[in-house]
N, C-alpha and C. Protein backbone atom coordinates (compact mmCIF):
# COMPACT_ATOMS: atom_id res chain seq x y z
N MET A 1 9.63 -12.86 -23.17
CA MET A 1 10.46 -11.67 -23.05
C MET A 1 11.65 -12.07 -22.11
N LEU A 2 12.87 -11.83 -22.56
CA LEU A 2 14.06 -12.13 -21.82
C LEU A 2 14.22 -11.18 -20.62
N GLN A 3 14.66 -11.70 -19.49
CA GLN A 3 14.95 -10.87 -18.35
C GLN A 3 16.34 -10.30 -18.48
N SER A 4 16.48 -9.08 -17.99
CA SER A 4 17.82 -8.53 -17.94
C SER A 4 18.51 -9.15 -16.78
N PRO A 5 19.94 -9.19 -16.87
CA PRO A 5 20.73 -9.73 -15.70
C PRO A 5 20.28 -9.10 -14.32
N THR A 6 20.09 -7.81 -14.39
CA THR A 6 19.71 -7.14 -13.10
C THR A 6 18.37 -7.58 -12.59
N ALA A 7 17.39 -7.73 -13.45
CA ALA A 7 16.08 -8.21 -13.04
C ALA A 7 16.14 -9.66 -12.51
N HIS A 8 16.98 -10.50 -13.15
CA HIS A 8 17.16 -11.86 -12.68
C HIS A 8 17.85 -11.81 -11.33
N LEU A 9 18.83 -10.99 -11.12
CA LEU A 9 19.48 -10.92 -9.83
C LEU A 9 18.52 -10.46 -8.75
N LEU A 10 17.70 -9.50 -9.07
CA LEU A 10 16.65 -8.99 -8.16
C LEU A 10 15.70 -10.14 -7.72
N MET A 11 15.22 -10.86 -8.61
CA MET A 11 14.35 -11.98 -8.25
C MET A 11 15.01 -13.04 -7.43
N GLU A 12 16.29 -13.27 -7.72
CA GLU A 12 17.00 -14.20 -6.94
C GLU A 12 17.15 -13.73 -5.49
N CYS A 13 17.47 -12.42 -5.37
CA CYS A 13 17.64 -11.83 -4.00
C CYS A 13 16.33 -11.89 -3.16
N LEU A 14 15.17 -11.72 -3.87
CA LEU A 14 13.89 -11.68 -3.19
C LEU A 14 13.27 -13.05 -3.04
N SER A 15 13.95 -14.05 -3.49
CA SER A 15 13.42 -15.45 -3.37
C SER A 15 13.16 -15.77 -1.90
N LEU A 16 12.06 -16.53 -1.73
CA LEU A 16 11.70 -16.98 -0.32
C LEU A 16 12.68 -18.03 0.19
N GLU A 17 13.35 -18.68 -0.72
CA GLU A 17 14.26 -19.77 -0.37
C GLU A 17 15.49 -19.17 0.28
N GLU A 18 16.03 -19.87 1.26
CA GLU A 18 17.27 -19.34 1.97
C GLU A 18 18.49 -19.93 1.39
N HIS A 19 19.57 -19.16 1.53
CA HIS A 19 20.94 -19.59 1.18
C HIS A 19 21.12 -19.97 -0.27
N ILE A 20 20.37 -19.33 -1.18
CA ILE A 20 20.57 -19.58 -2.55
C ILE A 20 21.92 -18.92 -3.04
N PRO A 21 22.80 -19.62 -3.61
CA PRO A 21 24.04 -19.08 -3.99
C PRO A 21 23.90 -18.08 -5.14
N ILE A 22 24.73 -17.02 -5.15
CA ILE A 22 24.68 -16.04 -6.22
C ILE A 22 25.24 -16.75 -7.51
N PRO A 23 24.47 -16.68 -8.58
CA PRO A 23 24.86 -17.43 -9.77
C PRO A 23 26.19 -17.07 -10.36
N GLU A 24 26.66 -15.82 -10.16
CA GLU A 24 27.89 -15.29 -10.73
C GLU A 24 28.42 -14.20 -9.90
N PRO A 25 29.67 -13.87 -9.92
CA PRO A 25 30.18 -12.72 -9.10
C PRO A 25 29.45 -11.49 -9.41
N VAL A 26 29.06 -10.79 -8.32
CA VAL A 26 28.25 -9.48 -8.46
C VAL A 26 29.25 -8.35 -8.31
N GLN A 27 29.46 -7.57 -9.30
CA GLN A 27 30.36 -6.47 -9.27
C GLN A 27 29.68 -5.22 -8.67
N PRO A 28 30.50 -4.22 -8.22
CA PRO A 28 29.90 -3.03 -7.66
C PRO A 28 28.86 -2.34 -8.53
N HIS A 29 29.09 -2.25 -9.84
CA HIS A 29 28.13 -1.61 -10.70
C HIS A 29 26.84 -2.53 -10.84
N ASP A 30 27.00 -3.81 -10.59
CA ASP A 30 25.75 -4.61 -10.59
C ASP A 30 24.87 -4.31 -9.34
N TRP A 31 25.53 -4.12 -8.22
CA TRP A 31 24.81 -3.86 -7.00
C TRP A 31 24.12 -2.50 -7.15
N GLN A 32 24.76 -1.49 -7.72
CA GLN A 32 24.13 -0.21 -7.93
C GLN A 32 22.94 -0.27 -8.85
N ALA A 33 23.08 -1.04 -9.97
CA ALA A 33 21.93 -1.26 -10.86
C ALA A 33 20.82 -2.03 -10.18
N LEU A 34 21.14 -2.95 -9.28
CA LEU A 34 20.11 -3.65 -8.52
C LEU A 34 19.35 -2.73 -7.69
N VAL A 35 20.03 -1.85 -6.94
CA VAL A 35 19.33 -0.90 -6.06
C VAL A 35 18.42 0.05 -6.94
N SER A 36 18.93 0.48 -8.05
CA SER A 36 18.09 1.40 -8.93
C SER A 36 16.86 0.67 -9.39
N LEU A 37 16.99 -0.53 -9.83
CA LEU A 37 15.82 -1.31 -10.29
C LEU A 37 14.83 -1.60 -9.15
N ALA A 38 15.41 -1.93 -8.00
CA ALA A 38 14.50 -2.14 -6.84
C ALA A 38 13.72 -0.91 -6.45
N ARG A 39 14.33 0.21 -6.47
CA ARG A 39 13.57 1.43 -6.15
C ARG A 39 12.59 1.79 -7.21
N ARG A 40 12.82 1.56 -8.51
CA ARG A 40 11.87 1.81 -9.53
C ARG A 40 10.61 0.88 -9.32
N GLN A 41 10.85 -0.27 -8.86
CA GLN A 41 9.73 -1.31 -8.67
C GLN A 41 9.09 -1.21 -7.27
N GLY A 42 9.52 -0.27 -6.46
CA GLY A 42 9.02 -0.22 -5.08
C GLY A 42 9.40 -1.38 -4.20
N LEU A 43 10.54 -2.00 -4.49
CA LEU A 43 10.97 -3.18 -3.80
C LEU A 43 12.22 -2.99 -2.98
N ALA A 44 12.75 -1.84 -2.88
CA ALA A 44 14.01 -1.62 -2.15
C ALA A 44 13.84 -1.95 -0.67
N PRO A 45 12.76 -1.54 0.08
CA PRO A 45 12.70 -2.00 1.44
C PRO A 45 12.72 -3.56 1.56
N LEU A 46 12.00 -4.24 0.73
CA LEU A 46 12.02 -5.65 0.83
C LEU A 46 13.34 -6.30 0.46
N LEU A 47 14.03 -5.61 -0.48
CA LEU A 47 15.36 -6.11 -0.81
C LEU A 47 16.30 -5.97 0.37
N TYR A 48 16.26 -4.87 1.08
CA TYR A 48 17.03 -4.68 2.28
C TYR A 48 16.75 -5.79 3.28
N TRP A 49 15.46 -6.10 3.48
CA TRP A 49 15.10 -7.08 4.40
C TRP A 49 15.66 -8.48 4.07
N ARG A 50 15.66 -8.79 2.79
CA ARG A 50 16.23 -10.09 2.32
C ARG A 50 17.78 -10.15 2.46
N LEU A 51 18.42 -9.04 2.24
CA LEU A 51 19.82 -9.00 2.19
C LEU A 51 20.53 -8.74 3.52
N HIS A 52 19.71 -8.32 4.49
CA HIS A 52 20.32 -8.02 5.78
C HIS A 52 21.00 -9.16 6.43
N PRO A 53 22.19 -8.97 6.95
CA PRO A 53 22.96 -10.11 7.56
C PRO A 53 22.21 -10.86 8.67
N ASP A 54 21.35 -10.14 9.35
CA ASP A 54 20.66 -10.81 10.42
C ASP A 54 19.72 -11.97 9.90
N ARG A 55 19.42 -11.90 8.58
CA ARG A 55 18.54 -12.95 8.08
C ARG A 55 19.39 -13.93 7.27
N LEU A 56 20.77 -13.85 7.46
CA LEU A 56 21.70 -14.78 6.82
C LEU A 56 21.57 -14.97 5.31
N ARG A 57 21.26 -13.84 4.66
CA ARG A 57 21.16 -13.88 3.20
C ARG A 57 22.46 -13.61 2.59
N TRP A 58 22.49 -13.22 1.29
CA TRP A 58 23.78 -13.10 0.66
C TRP A 58 24.51 -11.86 1.27
N SER A 59 25.83 -11.90 1.06
CA SER A 59 26.72 -10.86 1.61
C SER A 59 26.79 -9.72 0.66
N ALA A 60 26.01 -8.69 0.98
CA ALA A 60 25.95 -7.43 0.12
C ALA A 60 26.95 -6.43 0.73
N PRO A 61 27.53 -5.60 -0.17
CA PRO A 61 28.42 -4.53 0.36
C PRO A 61 27.74 -3.66 1.39
N GLU A 62 28.49 -3.22 2.41
CA GLU A 62 27.87 -2.29 3.45
C GLU A 62 27.27 -1.09 2.89
N SER A 63 27.87 -0.44 1.85
CA SER A 63 27.30 0.75 1.20
C SER A 63 25.91 0.47 0.64
N ILE A 64 25.73 -0.70 0.05
CA ILE A 64 24.40 -1.08 -0.52
C ILE A 64 23.41 -1.27 0.61
N LEU A 65 23.83 -1.96 1.65
CA LEU A 65 22.86 -2.18 2.75
C LEU A 65 22.48 -0.85 3.33
N GLN A 66 23.41 0.10 3.46
CA GLN A 66 23.06 1.36 4.04
C GLN A 66 22.09 2.14 3.19
N ALA A 67 22.35 2.05 1.84
CA ALA A 67 21.42 2.84 0.94
C ALA A 67 19.99 2.15 1.06
N LEU A 68 19.93 0.88 1.03
CA LEU A 68 18.63 0.16 1.13
C LEU A 68 17.96 0.41 2.48
N GLN A 69 18.78 0.44 3.54
CA GLN A 69 18.22 0.75 4.92
C GLN A 69 17.50 2.11 4.92
N GLN A 70 18.08 3.13 4.20
CA GLN A 70 17.34 4.39 4.20
C GLN A 70 15.97 4.27 3.50
N ASP A 71 15.88 3.43 2.47
CA ASP A 71 14.49 3.19 1.90
C ASP A 71 13.62 2.50 2.90
N TYR A 72 14.19 1.50 3.63
CA TYR A 72 13.36 0.78 4.61
C TYR A 72 12.90 1.68 5.69
N ASN A 73 13.79 2.52 6.24
CA ASN A 73 13.45 3.48 7.36
C ASN A 73 12.41 4.43 6.92
N GLN A 74 12.57 5.05 5.69
CA GLN A 74 11.59 5.98 5.15
C GLN A 74 10.25 5.33 4.98
N THR A 75 10.22 4.12 4.48
CA THR A 75 8.97 3.43 4.26
C THR A 75 8.28 3.16 5.62
N PHE A 76 9.02 2.67 6.65
CA PHE A 76 8.54 2.43 7.95
C PHE A 76 7.92 3.72 8.51
N SER A 77 8.71 4.84 8.43
CA SER A 77 8.17 6.10 9.00
C SER A 77 6.87 6.59 8.32
N GLN A 78 6.81 6.49 6.97
CA GLN A 78 5.64 6.89 6.27
C GLN A 78 4.47 5.99 6.57
N ASN A 79 4.71 4.71 6.61
CA ASN A 79 3.60 3.74 6.88
C ASN A 79 3.08 3.91 8.27
N LEU A 80 3.96 4.20 9.20
CA LEU A 80 3.53 4.47 10.59
C LEU A 80 2.50 5.59 10.67
N LYS A 81 2.75 6.63 9.83
CA LYS A 81 1.87 7.79 9.81
C LYS A 81 0.55 7.37 9.15
N ILE A 82 0.66 6.50 8.06
CA ILE A 82 -0.49 6.07 7.37
C ILE A 82 -1.42 5.24 8.28
N PHE A 83 -0.80 4.32 9.04
CA PHE A 83 -1.66 3.49 9.83
C PHE A 83 -2.23 4.23 11.03
N GLN A 84 -1.58 5.25 11.55
CA GLN A 84 -2.13 6.09 12.59
C GLN A 84 -3.36 6.82 12.01
N ALA A 85 -3.29 7.35 10.78
CA ALA A 85 -4.42 8.01 10.21
C ALA A 85 -5.51 7.00 9.96
N LEU A 86 -5.15 5.87 9.47
CA LEU A 86 -6.15 4.78 9.17
C LEU A 86 -6.91 4.46 10.51
N GLU A 87 -6.16 4.27 11.55
CA GLU A 87 -6.82 3.88 12.83
C GLU A 87 -7.83 4.95 13.25
N GLN A 88 -7.48 6.21 13.13
CA GLN A 88 -8.39 7.29 13.48
C GLN A 88 -9.62 7.25 12.61
N VAL A 89 -9.47 7.07 11.30
CA VAL A 89 -10.65 7.07 10.45
C VAL A 89 -11.53 5.89 10.68
N LEU A 90 -10.91 4.71 10.80
CA LEU A 90 -11.71 3.47 11.12
C LEU A 90 -12.48 3.56 12.37
N ALA A 91 -11.89 4.20 13.41
CA ALA A 91 -12.63 4.40 14.65
C ALA A 91 -13.87 5.17 14.47
N ARG A 92 -13.70 6.31 13.69
CA ARG A 92 -14.88 7.18 13.47
C ARG A 92 -15.88 6.54 12.59
N LEU A 93 -15.49 5.76 11.57
CA LEU A 93 -16.45 5.04 10.72
C LEU A 93 -17.11 3.97 11.50
N GLY A 94 -16.39 3.29 12.38
CA GLY A 94 -17.01 2.21 13.22
C GLY A 94 -18.15 2.78 14.11
N GLN A 95 -17.93 4.03 14.61
CA GLN A 95 -18.97 4.62 15.48
C GLN A 95 -20.31 4.73 14.73
N GLY A 96 -20.18 4.98 13.39
CA GLY A 96 -21.44 5.10 12.57
C GLY A 96 -21.84 3.80 11.99
N ARG A 97 -21.14 2.66 12.36
CA ARG A 97 -21.52 1.33 11.80
C ARG A 97 -21.34 1.30 10.31
N THR A 98 -20.32 1.96 9.85
CA THR A 98 -20.09 1.91 8.38
C THR A 98 -19.23 0.78 8.04
N LEU A 99 -19.72 -0.04 7.07
CA LEU A 99 -18.91 -1.17 6.62
C LEU A 99 -17.72 -0.69 5.84
N THR A 100 -16.55 -1.10 6.22
CA THR A 100 -15.36 -0.68 5.60
C THR A 100 -14.35 -1.79 5.30
N MET A 101 -13.96 -1.91 4.00
CA MET A 101 -13.03 -2.97 3.59
C MET A 101 -11.70 -2.32 3.17
N PRO A 102 -10.66 -2.46 3.95
CA PRO A 102 -9.37 -1.99 3.53
C PRO A 102 -8.84 -2.72 2.27
N LEU A 103 -8.21 -1.97 1.33
CA LEU A 103 -7.81 -2.52 0.07
C LEU A 103 -6.25 -2.29 -0.08
N LYS A 104 -5.71 -3.01 -1.01
CA LYS A 104 -4.40 -2.74 -1.56
C LYS A 104 -3.30 -2.66 -0.49
N GLY A 105 -2.60 -1.56 -0.38
CA GLY A 105 -1.38 -1.46 0.46
C GLY A 105 -1.60 -1.73 1.91
N VAL A 106 -2.65 -1.07 2.51
CA VAL A 106 -2.80 -1.24 3.91
C VAL A 106 -3.17 -2.68 4.29
N PHE A 107 -3.97 -3.32 3.47
CA PHE A 107 -4.30 -4.69 3.73
C PHE A 107 -3.12 -5.58 3.60
N LEU A 108 -2.27 -5.41 2.43
CA LEU A 108 -1.18 -6.28 2.19
C LEU A 108 -0.06 -6.03 3.30
N THR A 109 0.06 -4.82 3.70
CA THR A 109 1.11 -4.52 4.74
C THR A 109 0.79 -5.21 6.03
N GLU A 110 -0.48 -5.21 6.55
CA GLU A 110 -0.78 -5.83 7.75
C GLU A 110 -0.86 -7.31 7.68
N ARG A 111 -1.52 -7.82 6.66
CA ARG A 111 -1.84 -9.33 6.60
C ARG A 111 -0.87 -10.12 5.89
N VAL A 112 -0.07 -9.49 4.92
CA VAL A 112 0.87 -10.28 4.11
C VAL A 112 2.30 -9.98 4.54
N TYR A 113 2.71 -8.75 4.44
CA TYR A 113 4.03 -8.40 4.85
C TYR A 113 4.31 -8.43 6.32
N GLN A 114 3.27 -7.99 7.10
CA GLN A 114 3.34 -7.95 8.54
C GLN A 114 4.54 -7.15 9.04
N ASN A 115 4.87 -6.09 8.30
CA ASN A 115 5.98 -5.28 8.75
C ASN A 115 5.81 -3.91 8.08
N LEU A 116 5.70 -2.83 8.85
CA LEU A 116 5.41 -1.52 8.27
C LEU A 116 6.52 -1.01 7.32
N GLY A 117 7.70 -1.60 7.42
CA GLY A 117 8.80 -1.06 6.51
C GLY A 117 8.89 -1.70 5.20
N LEU A 118 8.17 -2.68 4.88
CA LEU A 118 8.44 -3.44 3.61
C LEU A 118 7.65 -3.07 2.36
N ARG A 119 6.47 -2.38 2.57
CA ARG A 119 5.58 -2.14 1.37
C ARG A 119 5.32 -0.66 1.26
N PRO A 120 6.11 0.03 0.38
CA PRO A 120 5.84 1.48 0.16
C PRO A 120 4.46 1.74 -0.26
N MET A 121 3.83 2.82 0.19
CA MET A 121 2.56 3.28 -0.26
C MET A 121 2.39 4.77 0.11
N SER A 122 1.45 5.45 -0.58
CA SER A 122 1.28 6.87 -0.37
C SER A 122 -0.09 7.24 0.02
N ASP A 123 -1.05 6.37 -0.13
CA ASP A 123 -2.43 6.65 0.24
C ASP A 123 -3.16 5.38 0.81
N ILE A 124 -4.35 5.53 1.21
CA ILE A 124 -5.10 4.54 1.87
C ILE A 124 -6.40 4.31 1.07
N ASP A 125 -6.63 3.11 0.58
CA ASP A 125 -7.76 2.74 -0.24
C ASP A 125 -8.73 1.97 0.61
N LEU A 126 -10.04 2.53 0.65
CA LEU A 126 -11.06 1.81 1.42
C LEU A 126 -12.26 1.59 0.53
N LEU A 127 -12.84 0.43 0.57
CA LEU A 127 -14.04 0.08 -0.13
C LEU A 127 -15.24 0.23 0.86
N LEU A 128 -16.33 0.93 0.43
CA LEU A 128 -17.45 1.13 1.21
C LEU A 128 -18.76 0.92 0.36
N PRO A 129 -19.85 0.46 0.99
CA PRO A 129 -21.12 0.48 0.22
C PRO A 129 -21.46 1.91 -0.28
N ARG A 130 -21.99 1.92 -1.46
CA ARG A 130 -22.26 3.19 -2.08
C ARG A 130 -23.17 4.06 -1.18
N GLU A 131 -24.11 3.46 -0.47
CA GLU A 131 -25.03 4.28 0.29
C GLU A 131 -24.38 4.82 1.57
N GLN A 132 -23.18 4.37 1.87
CA GLN A 132 -22.46 4.86 3.03
C GLN A 132 -21.35 5.81 2.69
N LEU A 133 -21.18 6.19 1.46
CA LEU A 133 -20.13 7.16 1.02
C LEU A 133 -20.30 8.49 1.66
N SER A 134 -21.53 9.01 1.73
CA SER A 134 -21.75 10.35 2.24
C SER A 134 -21.26 10.42 3.69
N HIS A 135 -21.51 9.40 4.48
CA HIS A 135 -21.07 9.40 5.90
C HIS A 135 -19.53 9.39 5.91
N ALA A 136 -18.92 8.57 5.09
CA ALA A 136 -17.49 8.50 5.02
C ALA A 136 -16.89 9.85 4.65
N ILE A 137 -17.48 10.53 3.61
CA ILE A 137 -17.02 11.86 3.27
C ILE A 137 -17.09 12.80 4.50
N GLN A 138 -18.20 12.76 5.16
CA GLN A 138 -18.37 13.62 6.37
C GLN A 138 -17.30 13.37 7.41
N VAL A 139 -17.00 12.09 7.65
CA VAL A 139 -15.95 11.74 8.62
C VAL A 139 -14.63 12.34 8.15
N LEU A 140 -14.24 12.15 6.92
CA LEU A 140 -12.98 12.58 6.45
C LEU A 140 -12.92 14.14 6.57
N GLN A 141 -14.01 14.80 6.21
CA GLN A 141 -13.91 16.29 6.21
C GLN A 141 -13.91 16.84 7.63
N GLU A 142 -14.49 16.11 8.58
CA GLU A 142 -14.47 16.51 10.04
C GLU A 142 -13.04 16.37 10.55
N LEU A 143 -12.26 15.47 9.93
CA LEU A 143 -10.95 15.28 10.39
C LEU A 143 -9.93 16.16 9.61
N GLY A 144 -10.48 16.97 8.74
CA GLY A 144 -9.61 17.93 7.96
C GLY A 144 -9.29 17.52 6.52
N TYR A 145 -9.64 16.35 6.12
CA TYR A 145 -9.41 15.90 4.76
C TYR A 145 -10.32 16.55 3.75
N GLN A 146 -9.80 16.90 2.59
CA GLN A 146 -10.57 17.60 1.60
C GLN A 146 -10.27 16.99 0.20
N PRO A 147 -11.32 16.95 -0.67
CA PRO A 147 -11.06 16.53 -2.02
C PRO A 147 -10.46 17.67 -2.83
N PRO A 148 -9.93 17.39 -4.04
CA PRO A 148 -9.33 18.52 -4.80
C PRO A 148 -10.30 19.49 -5.36
N TYR A 149 -11.56 19.13 -5.42
CA TYR A 149 -12.62 20.07 -5.84
C TYR A 149 -13.94 19.67 -5.19
N SER A 150 -14.88 20.60 -5.28
CA SER A 150 -16.20 20.37 -4.70
C SER A 150 -16.89 19.24 -5.53
N LEU A 151 -17.27 18.14 -4.92
CA LEU A 151 -17.77 17.02 -5.65
C LEU A 151 -19.26 16.67 -5.27
N ASP A 152 -19.87 16.03 -6.26
CA ASP A 152 -21.16 15.48 -6.09
C ASP A 152 -21.06 13.94 -6.07
N PRO A 153 -21.19 13.27 -4.92
CA PRO A 153 -20.99 11.80 -4.92
C PRO A 153 -21.78 11.06 -5.93
N GLU A 154 -23.02 11.40 -6.14
CA GLU A 154 -23.86 10.70 -7.11
C GLU A 154 -23.24 10.83 -8.47
N GLN A 155 -22.80 12.04 -8.85
CA GLN A 155 -22.23 12.17 -10.20
C GLN A 155 -20.97 11.39 -10.31
N GLU A 156 -20.19 11.44 -9.29
CA GLU A 156 -18.89 10.63 -9.27
C GLU A 156 -19.13 9.17 -9.47
N CYS A 157 -20.19 8.70 -8.84
CA CYS A 157 -20.47 7.29 -8.93
C CYS A 157 -20.85 6.83 -10.30
N ARG A 158 -21.44 7.77 -11.12
CA ARG A 158 -21.87 7.49 -12.44
C ARG A 158 -20.67 7.37 -13.44
N VAL A 159 -19.53 8.01 -13.12
CA VAL A 159 -18.46 8.05 -14.07
C VAL A 159 -17.14 7.47 -13.52
N ARG A 160 -17.05 7.19 -12.24
CA ARG A 160 -15.82 6.70 -11.63
C ARG A 160 -16.02 5.57 -10.76
N HIS A 161 -14.99 4.90 -10.27
CA HIS A 161 -15.11 3.80 -9.34
C HIS A 161 -14.55 4.16 -7.96
N ALA A 162 -14.06 5.42 -7.85
CA ALA A 162 -13.53 5.93 -6.59
C ALA A 162 -13.63 7.44 -6.59
N LEU A 163 -13.76 8.03 -5.45
CA LEU A 163 -13.81 9.46 -5.29
C LEU A 163 -12.45 10.03 -5.53
N PRO A 164 -12.33 11.29 -5.90
CA PRO A 164 -10.96 11.97 -5.89
C PRO A 164 -10.33 11.82 -4.52
N THR A 165 -8.97 11.81 -4.52
CA THR A 165 -8.28 11.62 -3.34
C THR A 165 -8.53 12.69 -2.32
N PHE A 166 -8.79 12.31 -1.07
CA PHE A 166 -8.94 13.25 0.06
C PHE A 166 -7.57 13.38 0.76
N SER A 167 -7.08 14.65 0.83
CA SER A 167 -5.80 14.87 1.46
C SER A 167 -5.94 16.00 2.48
N LEU A 168 -4.86 16.20 3.23
CA LEU A 168 -4.81 17.27 4.21
C LEU A 168 -4.21 18.48 3.56
N PRO A 169 -4.97 19.59 3.40
CA PRO A 169 -4.42 20.81 2.75
C PRO A 169 -3.22 21.34 3.56
N GLY A 170 -2.24 21.71 2.76
CA GLY A 170 -1.05 22.37 3.39
C GLY A 170 -0.08 21.34 4.05
N ARG A 171 -0.36 20.06 3.81
CA ARG A 171 0.51 19.00 4.44
C ARG A 171 0.94 18.02 3.33
N PRO A 172 1.86 18.43 2.48
CA PRO A 172 2.35 17.46 1.49
C PRO A 172 2.97 16.33 2.04
N GLY A 173 2.72 15.14 1.54
CA GLY A 173 3.29 13.92 2.08
C GLY A 173 2.44 13.29 3.21
N ALA A 174 1.43 14.01 3.68
CA ALA A 174 0.57 13.42 4.73
C ALA A 174 -0.27 12.35 4.07
N PRO A 175 -0.72 11.35 4.92
CA PRO A 175 -1.54 10.30 4.38
C PRO A 175 -2.83 10.82 3.69
N ALA A 176 -3.25 10.22 2.68
CA ALA A 176 -4.48 10.57 1.87
C ALA A 176 -5.37 9.35 1.77
N PHE A 177 -6.63 9.64 1.43
CA PHE A 177 -7.63 8.54 1.39
C PHE A 177 -8.29 8.49 -0.01
N ASP A 178 -8.44 7.29 -0.52
CA ASP A 178 -9.21 7.00 -1.76
C ASP A 178 -10.42 6.13 -1.30
N LEU A 179 -11.62 6.67 -1.49
CA LEU A 179 -12.85 5.93 -1.16
C LEU A 179 -13.41 5.30 -2.38
N HIS A 180 -13.56 4.01 -2.37
CA HIS A 180 -14.10 3.18 -3.47
C HIS A 180 -15.44 2.64 -3.16
N TRP A 181 -16.34 2.49 -4.10
CA TRP A 181 -17.58 1.81 -3.85
C TRP A 181 -17.73 0.64 -4.85
N THR A 182 -16.72 0.55 -5.71
CA THR A 182 -16.63 -0.67 -6.59
C THR A 182 -15.18 -0.77 -6.91
N LEU A 183 -14.82 -1.75 -7.75
CA LEU A 183 -13.39 -2.08 -7.97
C LEU A 183 -12.97 -1.90 -9.45
N ALA A 184 -13.88 -1.37 -10.28
CA ALA A 184 -13.49 -1.18 -11.63
C ALA A 184 -14.29 -0.02 -12.21
N PRO A 185 -13.70 0.80 -13.11
CA PRO A 185 -14.47 1.90 -13.69
C PRO A 185 -15.69 1.46 -14.49
N PRO A 186 -16.69 2.27 -14.55
CA PRO A 186 -17.96 1.86 -15.25
C PRO A 186 -17.68 1.43 -16.71
N ASN A 187 -16.66 1.93 -17.42
CA ASN A 187 -16.44 1.63 -18.85
C ASN A 187 -15.41 0.49 -18.96
N SER A 188 -15.01 -0.10 -17.86
CA SER A 188 -14.13 -1.19 -17.87
C SER A 188 -14.74 -2.49 -18.51
N PRO A 189 -14.02 -3.24 -19.34
CA PRO A 189 -14.64 -4.49 -19.88
C PRO A 189 -14.69 -5.56 -18.74
N PHE A 190 -14.04 -5.36 -17.66
CA PHE A 190 -14.01 -6.27 -16.55
C PHE A 190 -14.76 -5.72 -15.40
N GLN A 191 -15.87 -6.37 -14.97
CA GLN A 191 -16.67 -5.97 -13.86
C GLN A 191 -16.68 -6.91 -12.78
N ILE A 192 -16.54 -6.56 -11.62
CA ILE A 192 -16.58 -7.42 -10.39
C ILE A 192 -17.90 -7.29 -9.71
N PRO A 193 -18.69 -8.40 -9.58
CA PRO A 193 -20.01 -8.21 -8.82
C PRO A 193 -19.83 -7.79 -7.40
N ILE A 194 -20.03 -6.49 -7.23
CA ILE A 194 -19.68 -5.95 -5.94
C ILE A 194 -20.57 -6.44 -4.83
N GLN A 195 -21.87 -6.67 -5.07
CA GLN A 195 -22.80 -7.16 -4.04
C GLN A 195 -22.37 -8.56 -3.65
N ALA A 196 -21.92 -9.39 -4.56
CA ALA A 196 -21.50 -10.77 -4.18
C ALA A 196 -20.21 -10.63 -3.37
N LEU A 197 -19.39 -9.64 -3.58
CA LEU A 197 -18.21 -9.50 -2.79
C LEU A 197 -18.56 -9.16 -1.36
N TRP A 198 -19.52 -8.25 -1.15
CA TRP A 198 -19.96 -7.87 0.18
C TRP A 198 -20.62 -9.06 0.88
N GLN A 199 -21.37 -9.86 0.13
CA GLN A 199 -22.03 -11.01 0.76
C GLN A 199 -20.95 -12.06 1.30
N ARG A 200 -19.89 -12.15 0.53
CA ARG A 200 -18.83 -13.17 1.02
C ARG A 200 -17.91 -12.56 2.10
N ALA A 201 -17.93 -11.26 2.27
CA ALA A 201 -17.10 -10.62 3.23
C ALA A 201 -17.40 -11.08 4.65
N ARG A 202 -16.41 -11.16 5.52
CA ARG A 202 -16.54 -11.54 6.86
C ARG A 202 -16.00 -10.47 7.84
N PRO A 203 -16.60 -10.22 8.94
CA PRO A 203 -16.08 -9.23 9.85
C PRO A 203 -14.71 -9.56 10.43
N GLY A 204 -13.99 -8.55 10.64
CA GLY A 204 -12.61 -8.72 11.26
C GLY A 204 -12.17 -7.46 11.92
N LEU A 205 -10.94 -7.41 12.33
CA LEU A 205 -10.36 -6.27 12.98
C LEU A 205 -9.05 -5.84 12.32
N MET A 206 -8.88 -4.58 12.26
CA MET A 206 -7.54 -4.01 11.86
C MET A 206 -7.20 -2.90 12.84
N MET A 207 -6.06 -3.16 13.55
CA MET A 207 -5.68 -2.24 14.67
C MET A 207 -6.86 -2.08 15.64
N ASP A 208 -7.49 -3.17 15.94
CA ASP A 208 -8.57 -3.27 16.91
C ASP A 208 -9.80 -2.48 16.47
N GLN A 209 -9.93 -2.19 15.18
CA GLN A 209 -11.04 -1.43 14.70
C GLN A 209 -11.84 -2.38 13.72
N PRO A 210 -13.18 -2.32 13.75
CA PRO A 210 -13.92 -3.28 13.00
C PRO A 210 -13.79 -3.01 11.45
N VAL A 211 -13.49 -4.01 10.67
CA VAL A 211 -13.47 -3.98 9.20
C VAL A 211 -14.13 -5.27 8.71
N VAL A 212 -14.22 -5.34 7.37
CA VAL A 212 -14.72 -6.49 6.74
C VAL A 212 -13.76 -6.98 5.65
């Protein structure tokens, strides 16, 4: 499948290599298309980081940098709230010695990106042993988080791989939690041996709270 010129330019801008020359003159409409594509792909904050003059990358127009900086600042602000909520929940789960494995965005943000502003996300995914789901539900509800409907964890486990999202009622945009006990739906042709995954897991810390 052929890449569009905008997609090619985006990948060049995001390259880990420094001082790569722009392959051809970039016109104003090219920069606008680049920002639009980066936003659709959730890459606008990272694009800002790569293009910022402090990192001696390509010379982007000031208007483009300002637009991308807004995405970066919004992502940083949202992720700060997410990690504050995560720290609170992990602390409560740790008190009950609940095994908790952070997944997806929160793990990547801390261990790979190492910058709260670079990886947009809207919720927090946690993997827990199935037998500890009830305790995790209790912790979330004590903190004010609620599922979209009254649920039976055992029934959910039979048909899903994660509980419905727990959110804070009346607070749109507030951090939300997805509790997983496995990594693929029961009807998926691809199954991950979850017990083997737990056996290979090693204890660690996230924001000074115990995780695996």
